[in-house]
């Protein structure tokens, strides 16, 4: 039991740093991707509202454009969820590898 505790203590700082940097990267990527989609959506809606006010499109066309954008946003969110799950699996696998490598180094 003491050897296991020593092993866990030996990987502690490395594991914390690995998790910290991996999660920060994940958050940074998600934020960047989300910001661009939000900006693009805002620009499109603003343009469509101007078209509506100027009579270039009617209410039905505006509604159709908004519904299409809603679907695009849903698809984006679904792909973000899948990508995040894959990234978290990769982080978990990396952490397991780190601990196993430390264990193997201690044994060999």
N, C-alpha and C. Protein backbone atom coordinates (compact mmCIF):
# COMPACT_ATOMS: atom_id res chain seq x y z
N UNK A 1 0.82 -1.20 0.00
CA UNK A 1 0.00 0.00 0.00
C UNK A 1 0.86 1.26 0.00
N UNK A 2 1.97 1.22 0.72
CA UNK A 2 2.86 2.38 0.75
C UNK A 2 3.45 2.64 -0.62
N UNK A 3 3.75 1.59 -1.38
CA UNK A 3 4.31 1.76 -2.72
C UNK A 3 3.30 2.43 -3.65
N UNK A 4 2.04 2.04 -3.52
CA UNK A 4 1.00 2.66 -4.35
C UNK A 4 0.87 4.14 -4.01
N UNK A 5 0.90 4.45 -2.75
CA UNK A 5 0.82 5.85 -2.32
C UNK A 5 2.01 6.64 -2.85
N UNK A 6 3.21 6.03 -2.79
CA UNK A 6 4.41 6.68 -3.32
C UNK A 6 4.27 6.94 -4.81
N UNK A 7 3.71 5.97 -5.52
CA UNK A 7 3.50 6.09 -6.96
C UNK A 7 2.54 7.24 -7.26
N UNK A 8 1.46 7.31 -6.54
CA UNK A 8 0.48 8.38 -6.73
C UNK A 8 1.11 9.73 -6.42
N UNK A 9 1.88 9.79 -5.34
CA UNK A 9 2.56 11.04 -4.99
C UNK A 9 3.54 11.46 -6.08
N UNK A 10 4.23 10.46 -6.67
CA UNK A 10 5.22 10.74 -7.70
C UNK A 10 4.58 11.30 -8.97
N UNK A 11 3.36 10.92 -9.27
CA UNK A 11 2.69 11.41 -10.48
C UNK A 11 1.84 12.64 -10.22
N UNK A 12 1.69 13.00 -8.97
CA UNK A 12 0.79 14.09 -8.59
C UNK A 12 1.01 15.38 -9.35
N UNK A 13 2.22 15.93 -9.28
CA UNK A 13 2.48 17.21 -9.93
C UNK A 13 2.38 17.11 -11.45
N UNK A 14 2.92 16.05 -12.01
CA UNK A 14 2.83 15.86 -13.46
C UNK A 14 1.38 15.71 -13.90
N UNK A 15 0.63 14.93 -13.14
CA UNK A 15 -0.78 14.70 -13.48
C UNK A 15 -1.57 16.00 -13.39
N UNK A 16 -1.34 16.76 -12.35
CA UNK A 16 -2.05 18.03 -12.19
C UNK A 16 -1.72 18.98 -13.34
N UNK A 17 -0.46 19.06 -13.69
CA UNK A 17 -0.05 19.95 -14.78
C UNK A 17 -0.64 19.48 -16.11
N UNK A 18 -0.63 18.17 -16.33
CA UNK A 18 -1.20 17.61 -17.56
C UNK A 18 -2.69 17.94 -17.67
N UNK A 19 -3.42 17.70 -16.60
CA UNK A 19 -4.86 17.97 -16.60
C UNK A 19 -5.11 19.47 -16.76
N UNK A 20 -4.37 20.27 -16.03
CA UNK A 20 -4.56 21.72 -16.09
C UNK A 20 -4.33 22.24 -17.50
N UNK A 21 -3.21 21.89 -18.11
CA UNK A 21 -2.92 22.41 -19.45
C UNK A 21 -3.91 21.87 -20.48
N UNK A 22 -4.28 20.60 -20.35
CA UNK A 22 -5.23 20.00 -21.29
C UNK A 22 -6.60 20.67 -21.20
N UNK A 23 -7.07 20.88 -20.00
CA UNK A 23 -8.38 21.52 -19.83
C UNK A 23 -8.36 22.97 -20.27
N UNK A 24 -7.27 23.68 -19.99
CA UNK A 24 -7.17 25.07 -20.44
C UNK A 24 -7.18 25.14 -21.97
N UNK A 25 -6.48 24.22 -22.62
CA UNK A 25 -6.49 24.17 -24.09
C UNK A 25 -7.90 23.90 -24.60
N UNK A 26 -8.58 22.96 -23.97
CA UNK A 26 -9.95 22.61 -24.36
C UNK A 26 -10.86 23.83 -24.25
N UNK A 27 -10.77 24.54 -23.15
CA UNK A 27 -11.62 25.72 -22.93
C UNK A 27 -11.28 26.82 -23.94
N UNK A 28 -10.00 27.03 -24.20
CA UNK A 28 -9.58 28.06 -25.14
C UNK A 28 -10.11 27.77 -26.55
N UNK A 29 -10.00 26.51 -26.97
CA UNK A 29 -10.50 26.13 -28.29
C UNK A 29 -12.02 26.33 -28.39
N UNK A 30 -12.72 25.84 -27.37
CA UNK A 30 -14.18 25.96 -27.38
C UNK A 30 -14.61 27.43 -27.40
N UNK A 31 -13.93 28.25 -26.61
CA UNK A 31 -14.27 29.67 -26.56
C UNK A 31 -14.04 30.34 -27.91
N UNK A 32 -12.92 30.03 -28.53
CA UNK A 32 -12.59 30.62 -29.82
C UNK A 32 -13.62 30.22 -30.88
N UNK A 33 -13.94 28.94 -30.94
CA UNK A 33 -14.90 28.47 -31.93
C UNK A 33 -16.29 29.05 -31.68
N UNK A 34 -16.67 29.13 -30.43
CA UNK A 34 -17.99 29.65 -30.07
C UNK A 34 -18.09 31.13 -30.39
N UNK A 35 -17.03 31.88 -30.09
CA UNK A 35 -17.05 33.31 -30.37
C UNK A 35 -17.26 33.59 -31.85
N UNK A 36 -16.61 32.82 -32.69
CA UNK A 36 -16.75 33.07 -34.13
C UNK A 36 -18.17 32.76 -34.61
N UNK A 37 -18.77 31.70 -34.08
CA UNK A 37 -20.14 31.35 -34.48
C UNK A 37 -21.13 32.40 -33.97
N UNK A 38 -20.93 32.87 -32.75
CA UNK A 38 -21.81 33.89 -32.19
C UNK A 38 -21.69 35.19 -33.00
N UNK A 39 -20.47 35.56 -33.33
CA UNK A 39 -20.25 36.78 -34.12
C UNK A 39 -20.91 36.66 -35.49
N UNK A 40 -20.68 35.54 -36.14
CA UNK A 40 -21.27 35.31 -37.47
C UNK A 40 -22.80 35.35 -37.40
N UNK A 41 -23.36 34.72 -36.39
CA UNK A 41 -24.82 34.69 -36.22
C UNK A 41 -25.36 36.10 -36.02
N UNK A 42 -24.70 36.86 -35.16
CA UNK A 42 -25.13 38.25 -34.92
C UNK A 42 -25.11 39.08 -36.19
N UNK A 43 -24.04 38.93 -36.96
CA UNK A 43 -23.93 39.69 -38.22
C UNK A 43 -25.03 39.30 -39.19
N UNK A 44 -25.30 38.01 -39.29
CA UNK A 44 -26.35 37.56 -40.22
C UNK A 44 -27.72 38.07 -39.79
N UNK A 45 -28.03 37.96 -38.52
CA UNK A 45 -29.34 38.41 -38.04
C UNK A 45 -29.49 39.91 -38.25
N UNK A 46 -28.44 40.66 -37.96
CA UNK A 46 -28.50 42.10 -38.18
C UNK A 46 -28.78 42.42 -39.66
N UNK A 47 -28.09 41.73 -40.55
CA UNK A 47 -28.29 41.95 -41.99
C UNK A 47 -29.72 41.58 -42.39
N UNK A 48 -30.22 40.46 -41.88
CA UNK A 48 -31.58 40.04 -42.23
C UNK A 48 -32.62 41.01 -41.72
N UNK A 49 -32.40 41.54 -40.52
CA UNK A 49 -33.35 42.53 -39.98
C UNK A 49 -33.36 43.80 -40.82
N UNK A 50 -32.20 44.22 -41.29
CA UNK A 50 -32.14 45.38 -42.17
C UNK A 50 -32.90 45.09 -43.47
N UNK A 51 -32.68 43.88 -44.01
CA UNK A 51 -33.41 43.49 -45.23
C UNK A 51 -34.92 43.56 -44.99
N UNK A 52 -35.35 43.09 -43.83
CA UNK A 52 -36.78 43.08 -43.51
C UNK A 52 -37.30 44.51 -43.40
N UNK A 53 -36.55 45.36 -42.70
CA UNK A 53 -36.98 46.75 -42.54
C UNK A 53 -37.02 47.50 -43.86
N UNK A 54 -36.12 47.15 -44.76
CA UNK A 54 -36.07 47.82 -46.07
C UNK A 54 -37.01 47.17 -47.09
N UNK A 55 -37.72 46.12 -46.66
CA UNK A 55 -38.69 45.47 -47.53
C UNK A 55 -38.08 44.51 -48.54
N UNK A 56 -36.80 44.18 -48.38
CA UNK A 56 -36.16 43.25 -49.32
C UNK A 56 -36.59 41.81 -49.09
N UNK A 57 -36.99 41.51 -47.85
CA UNK A 57 -37.55 40.19 -47.53
C UNK A 57 -38.80 40.40 -46.69
N UNK A 58 -39.69 39.39 -46.72
CA UNK A 58 -40.90 39.49 -45.91
C UNK A 58 -40.72 38.68 -44.62
N UNK A 59 -41.76 38.67 -43.81
CA UNK A 59 -41.69 37.99 -42.51
C UNK A 59 -41.45 36.49 -42.65
N UNK A 60 -42.06 35.88 -43.64
CA UNK A 60 -41.87 34.44 -43.85
C UNK A 60 -40.42 34.12 -44.22
N UNK A 61 -39.85 34.97 -45.08
CA UNK A 61 -38.45 34.75 -45.46
C UNK A 61 -37.52 34.95 -44.27
N UNK A 62 -37.81 35.96 -43.46
CA UNK A 62 -37.00 36.19 -42.26
C UNK A 62 -37.09 35.00 -41.32
N UNK A 63 -38.30 34.51 -41.12
CA UNK A 63 -38.49 33.35 -40.26
C UNK A 63 -37.74 32.14 -40.79
N UNK A 64 -37.77 31.94 -42.09
CA UNK A 64 -37.06 30.81 -42.70
C UNK A 64 -35.54 30.95 -42.49
N UNK A 65 -35.02 32.15 -42.65
CA UNK A 65 -33.59 32.38 -42.43
C UNK A 65 -33.22 32.11 -40.97
N UNK A 66 -34.04 32.59 -40.05
CA UNK A 66 -33.78 32.38 -38.62
C UNK A 66 -33.85 30.89 -38.25
N UNK A 67 -34.83 30.19 -38.82
CA UNK A 67 -34.93 28.74 -38.55
C UNK A 67 -33.73 27.98 -39.10
N UNK A 68 -33.27 28.39 -40.26
CA UNK A 68 -32.08 27.76 -40.84
C UNK A 68 -30.86 28.01 -39.94
N UNK A 69 -30.74 29.22 -39.46
CA UNK A 69 -29.60 29.54 -38.57
C UNK A 69 -29.69 28.75 -37.27
N UNK A 70 -30.92 28.58 -36.75
CA UNK A 70 -31.12 27.77 -35.55
C UNK A 70 -30.59 26.34 -35.77
N UNK A 71 -30.89 25.78 -36.93
CA UNK A 71 -30.42 24.42 -37.25
C UNK A 71 -28.90 24.38 -37.33
N UNK A 72 -28.31 25.41 -37.92
CA UNK A 72 -26.85 25.49 -38.00
C UNK A 72 -26.24 25.54 -36.60
N UNK A 73 -26.83 26.32 -35.73
CA UNK A 73 -26.34 26.44 -34.35
C UNK A 73 -26.48 25.11 -33.62
N UNK A 74 -27.61 24.43 -33.79
CA UNK A 74 -27.80 23.12 -33.15
C UNK A 74 -26.75 22.13 -33.64
N UNK A 75 -26.50 22.13 -34.94
CA UNK A 75 -25.49 21.24 -35.50
C UNK A 75 -24.10 21.57 -34.92
N UNK A 76 -23.80 22.84 -34.82
CA UNK A 76 -22.52 23.27 -34.23
C UNK A 76 -22.40 22.79 -32.79
N UNK A 77 -23.46 22.97 -32.02
CA UNK A 77 -23.42 22.55 -30.61
C UNK A 77 -23.27 21.03 -30.49
N UNK A 78 -23.94 20.29 -31.36
CA UNK A 78 -23.78 18.83 -31.34
C UNK A 78 -22.34 18.43 -31.67
N UNK A 79 -21.76 19.07 -32.67
CA UNK A 79 -20.38 18.73 -33.02
C UNK A 79 -19.42 19.15 -31.91
N UNK A 80 -19.70 20.25 -31.23
CA UNK A 80 -18.87 20.67 -30.10
C UNK A 80 -18.93 19.64 -28.97
N UNK A 81 -20.12 19.13 -28.72
CA UNK A 81 -20.27 18.12 -27.67
C UNK A 81 -19.46 16.87 -28.01
N UNK A 82 -19.55 16.42 -29.24
CA UNK A 82 -18.80 15.23 -29.66
C UNK A 82 -17.30 15.48 -29.55
N UNK A 83 -16.85 16.63 -30.01
CA UNK A 83 -15.42 16.97 -29.96
C UNK A 83 -14.94 17.05 -28.51
N UNK A 84 -15.76 17.61 -27.64
CA UNK A 84 -15.38 17.73 -26.23
C UNK A 84 -15.28 16.36 -25.58
N UNK A 85 -16.22 15.49 -25.86
CA UNK A 85 -16.14 14.13 -25.31
C UNK A 85 -14.88 13.42 -25.79
N UNK A 86 -14.56 13.56 -27.06
CA UNK A 86 -13.35 12.93 -27.60
C UNK A 86 -12.10 13.50 -26.93
N UNK A 87 -12.08 14.80 -26.74
CA UNK A 87 -10.93 15.44 -26.09
C UNK A 87 -10.80 14.99 -24.64
N UNK A 88 -11.92 14.86 -23.93
CA UNK A 88 -11.88 14.39 -22.54
C UNK A 88 -11.41 12.95 -22.46
N UNK A 89 -11.81 12.13 -23.43
CA UNK A 89 -11.30 10.76 -23.49
C UNK A 89 -9.79 10.76 -23.69
N UNK A 90 -9.32 11.62 -24.55
CA UNK A 90 -7.89 11.72 -24.80
C UNK A 90 -7.14 12.16 -23.54
N UNK A 91 -7.71 13.10 -22.80
CA UNK A 91 -7.10 13.55 -21.54
C UNK A 91 -7.05 12.40 -20.54
N UNK A 92 -8.15 11.67 -20.43
CA UNK A 92 -8.21 10.53 -19.51
C UNK A 92 -7.18 9.47 -19.88
N UNK A 93 -7.08 9.17 -21.15
CA UNK A 93 -6.11 8.18 -21.62
C UNK A 93 -4.69 8.67 -21.35
N UNK A 94 -4.45 9.93 -21.57
CA UNK A 94 -3.12 10.50 -21.29
C UNK A 94 -2.77 10.41 -19.82
N UNK A 95 -3.74 10.64 -18.97
CA UNK A 95 -3.51 10.55 -17.53
C UNK A 95 -3.22 9.10 -17.12
N UNK A 96 -3.97 8.18 -17.67
CA UNK A 96 -3.73 6.75 -17.40
C UNK A 96 -2.33 6.36 -17.87
N UNK A 97 -1.95 6.80 -19.05
CA UNK A 97 -0.62 6.51 -19.57
C UNK A 97 0.47 7.07 -18.65
N UNK A 98 0.26 8.27 -18.17
CA UNK A 98 1.22 8.89 -17.26
C UNK A 98 1.41 8.06 -16.00
N UNK A 99 0.31 7.64 -15.40
CA UNK A 99 0.38 6.84 -14.18
C UNK A 99 1.01 5.47 -14.46
N UNK A 100 0.61 4.84 -15.56
CA UNK A 100 1.17 3.52 -15.90
C UNK A 100 2.66 3.60 -16.19
N UNK A 101 3.08 4.63 -16.89
CA UNK A 101 4.50 4.80 -17.16
C UNK A 101 5.30 4.97 -15.88
N UNK A 102 4.77 5.75 -14.94
CA UNK A 102 5.44 5.91 -13.65
C UNK A 102 5.50 4.58 -12.92
N UNK A 103 4.41 3.81 -12.98
CA UNK A 103 4.38 2.50 -12.31
C UNK A 103 5.39 1.57 -12.94
N UNK A 104 5.47 1.55 -14.27
CA UNK A 104 6.42 0.69 -14.95
C UNK A 104 7.85 1.10 -14.66
N UNK A 105 8.10 2.39 -14.61
CA UNK A 105 9.45 2.88 -14.25
C UNK A 105 9.83 2.45 -12.84
N UNK A 106 8.87 2.45 -11.94
CA UNK A 106 9.15 2.04 -10.56
C UNK A 106 9.40 0.55 -10.46
N UNK A 107 8.75 -0.23 -11.32
CA UNK A 107 8.89 -1.68 -11.28
C UNK A 107 10.20 -2.11 -11.96
N UNK A 108 10.51 -1.47 -13.07
CA UNK A 108 11.65 -1.91 -13.88
C UNK A 108 12.93 -1.34 -13.37
